[in-house]
Protein backbone atom coordinates (compact mmCIF):
# COMPACT_ATOMS: atom_id res chain seq x y z
CA MET A 1 157.13 182.38 72.06
CA THR A 2 159.12 179.28 72.59
CA ASP A 3 162.93 178.07 72.35
CA ASN A 4 163.20 175.03 71.03
CA THR A 5 161.50 176.38 67.53
CA THR A 6 164.01 174.38 65.42
CA GLU A 7 161.96 173.36 62.22
CA THR A 8 161.66 176.08 59.44
CA VAL A 9 158.44 176.48 57.33
CA THR A 10 157.98 178.29 54.59
CA ILE A 11 154.79 179.94 53.93
CA TYR A 12 153.18 181.93 50.79
CA THR A 13 149.58 183.05 50.85
CA ASP A 14 147.24 185.00 48.42
CA GLY A 15 143.92 186.28 49.12
CA SER A 16 141.34 186.98 45.69
CA CYS A 17 137.76 188.80 44.98
CA LEU A 18 136.22 189.11 42.42
CA GLY A 19 134.02 192.36 42.98
CA ASN A 20 135.01 193.58 45.97
CA PRO A 21 132.88 192.77 48.23
CA GLY A 22 131.93 189.41 46.00
CA PRO A 23 133.35 185.94 45.84
CA GLY A 24 136.44 185.30 46.87
CA GLY A 25 139.27 182.74 47.76
CA TRP A 26 142.43 182.32 49.70
CA GLY A 27 145.34 179.82 48.52
CA ALA A 28 148.75 179.06 50.97
CA VAL A 29 151.20 176.66 50.06
CA LEU A 30 153.44 175.29 52.62
CA LYS A 31 156.97 174.09 52.59
CA PHE A 32 158.96 171.98 54.99
CA GLY A 33 162.15 170.39 53.88
CA ASP A 34 160.80 167.96 50.78
CA GLU A 35 157.57 168.34 52.00
CA ARG A 36 154.57 170.51 50.41
CA LYS A 37 150.85 170.95 51.22
CA GLU A 38 148.81 173.38 49.30
CA LEU A 39 145.28 174.58 51.02
CA SER A 40 142.63 176.66 49.75
CA GLY A 41 139.12 177.98 50.41
CA GLY A 42 136.49 180.52 50.02
CA PHE A 43 133.64 182.64 50.78
CA SER A 44 130.66 184.84 48.92
CA GLY A 45 130.25 188.08 49.53
CA THR A 46 133.57 188.77 51.01
CA THR A 47 136.54 191.02 50.75
CA ASN A 48 140.14 190.93 49.16
CA ASN A 49 141.69 192.01 52.52
CA ARG A 50 139.51 189.59 54.31
CA MET A 51 140.82 186.42 51.89
CA GLU A 52 144.27 187.57 52.33
CA LEU A 53 144.35 187.23 55.90
CA MET A 54 142.23 184.22 55.80
CA ALA A 55 144.80 182.57 53.64
CA VAL A 56 147.41 183.60 56.97
CA LEU A 57 145.46 182.23 59.16
CA GLU A 58 144.82 178.94 57.33
CA ALA A 59 148.15 178.44 57.19
CA LEU A 60 149.11 179.00 60.12
CA SER A 61 146.51 176.71 61.95
CA THR A 62 148.20 173.87 60.31
CA LEU A 63 151.41 173.75 62.24
CA LYS A 64 151.16 171.76 64.62
CA ARG A 65 153.73 173.25 67.15
CA PRO A 66 156.00 176.35 67.65
CA CYS A 67 157.86 176.65 64.31
CA LYS A 68 160.25 179.18 62.35
CA VAL A 69 158.18 180.35 59.59
CA ASN A 70 159.48 182.64 56.55
CA LEU A 71 155.98 184.11 55.33
CA PHE A 72 155.67 185.19 51.89
CA SER A 73 152.74 187.08 51.47
CA ASP A 74 151.57 190.22 48.55
CA SER A 75 149.33 191.75 50.92
CA LYS A 76 150.51 195.29 51.94
CA TYR A 77 147.64 195.35 54.42
CA PHE A 78 148.70 192.28 56.55
CA LEU A 79 152.21 193.24 56.62
CA ASP A 80 151.78 196.80 57.53
CA ALA A 81 149.57 195.77 60.16
CA ILE A 82 152.29 193.35 61.63
CA ARG A 83 155.56 195.63 60.76
CA GLN A 84 154.50 199.30 61.52
CA GLY A 85 152.61 197.87 64.64
CA TRP A 86 149.45 198.34 63.50
CA LEU A 87 148.11 195.33 65.12
CA LYS A 88 149.37 196.14 68.46
CA ASN A 89 148.04 199.82 68.73
CA TRP A 90 144.53 198.64 67.44
CA ILE A 91 144.59 195.53 70.35
CA LYS A 92 145.98 199.09 72.90
CA ASN A 93 142.98 201.09 71.69
CA GLY A 94 140.06 199.06 72.21
CA TRP A 95 140.28 197.69 68.66
CA LYS A 96 139.75 201.36 67.01
CA THR A 97 141.75 203.04 64.37
CA ALA A 98 144.01 206.21 65.19
CA ALA A 99 140.83 207.84 63.33
CA LYS A 100 139.05 206.61 66.34
CA LYS A 101 136.84 203.94 63.79
CA PRO A 102 136.59 200.41 64.35
CA VAL A 103 138.77 198.11 62.75
CA LYS A 104 137.91 196.08 59.83
CA ASN A 105 138.12 192.30 60.16
CA GLN A 106 138.68 192.32 64.14
CA ASP A 107 137.30 188.70 64.29
CA LEU A 108 140.12 187.44 61.84
CA TRP A 109 142.86 189.86 63.74
CA LEU A 110 141.36 188.26 66.92
CA ARG A 111 142.08 184.92 65.09
CA LEU A 112 145.52 185.82 64.07
CA ASP A 113 147.12 186.98 66.97
CA PRO A 114 148.10 184.44 69.08
CA LEU A 115 148.93 182.70 65.85
CA LEU A 116 151.72 185.03 64.66
CA ALA A 117 152.72 185.06 68.93
CA GLU A 118 153.13 181.36 68.54
CA HIS A 119 155.67 180.90 65.88
CA GLU A 120 158.96 183.17 65.28
CA ILE A 121 157.74 184.62 61.73
CA ASN A 122 160.25 186.22 59.14
CA TYR A 123 157.69 188.08 57.31
CA ASN A 124 158.71 188.95 53.90
CA TRP A 125 156.86 190.49 50.88
CA VAL A 126 156.13 189.21 47.39
CA LYS A 127 155.25 191.61 44.57
CA GLY A 128 152.21 190.06 43.12
CA HIS A 129 151.89 189.00 39.39
CA SER A 130 155.37 189.16 39.21
CA GLY A 131 156.55 185.81 38.10
CA ASP A 132 157.42 184.06 41.88
CA PRO A 133 156.00 180.86 40.74
CA GLU A 134 155.07 179.98 44.87
CA ASN A 135 153.19 183.06 45.00
CA GLU A 136 151.64 182.72 41.72
CA ARG A 137 150.22 179.10 42.46
CA CYS A 138 148.82 180.87 45.23
CA ASP A 139 147.06 182.93 43.36
CA VAL A 140 145.91 180.45 40.93
CA LEU A 141 144.55 178.67 43.76
CA ALA A 142 142.62 181.83 45.23
CA ARG A 143 141.21 182.90 42.06
CA THR A 144 139.75 179.20 41.68
CA GLU A 145 138.22 179.09 44.78
CA ALA A 146 136.78 182.34 44.47
CA GLY A 147 135.00 181.17 40.82
CA LYS A 148 133.05 178.25 42.07
CA THR A 149 129.82 178.07 42.73
CA GLY A 150 127.84 177.64 45.91
CA LEU A 151 130.47 179.15 48.08
CA PRO A 152 129.19 179.62 51.41
CA LYS A 153 128.65 183.21 53.09
CA ASP A 154 131.83 185.51 54.78
CA PRO A 155 129.78 185.21 57.94
CA LYS A 156 131.33 188.81 58.67
CA ALA A 157 132.27 190.41 55.68
């Protein structure tokens, strides 16, 4: 973490899956000052949690330098992994859960971990489908992607 993180970016993310597993999509909205950027993508044969993580991963990957980030997600899975220290424990325990089972979605967590460390992130939970305009927009982006035909296969699902 650097001390010169002066730019603040607001990010909203969401993931969706039509069946679990099934075709899935992710969506993200990034806001910086008056600028706004929407991102989305999808995979076949994936899970809702993978799509939630992909939304965060892809959004943070677009940032070109360390930033202050206000991150909004409706994913308890993602937020609990950070806030309750699951991610740190998984890493410390060789990617095993407290029950000594392999951590699901390790490939995405491995890619996310350095991105989470690079930025000063304020994690915020937003209740899904509760009328928050940006969360609702992310949901539309994710569901639209999940509904597309010809999605690439999620290589790790």
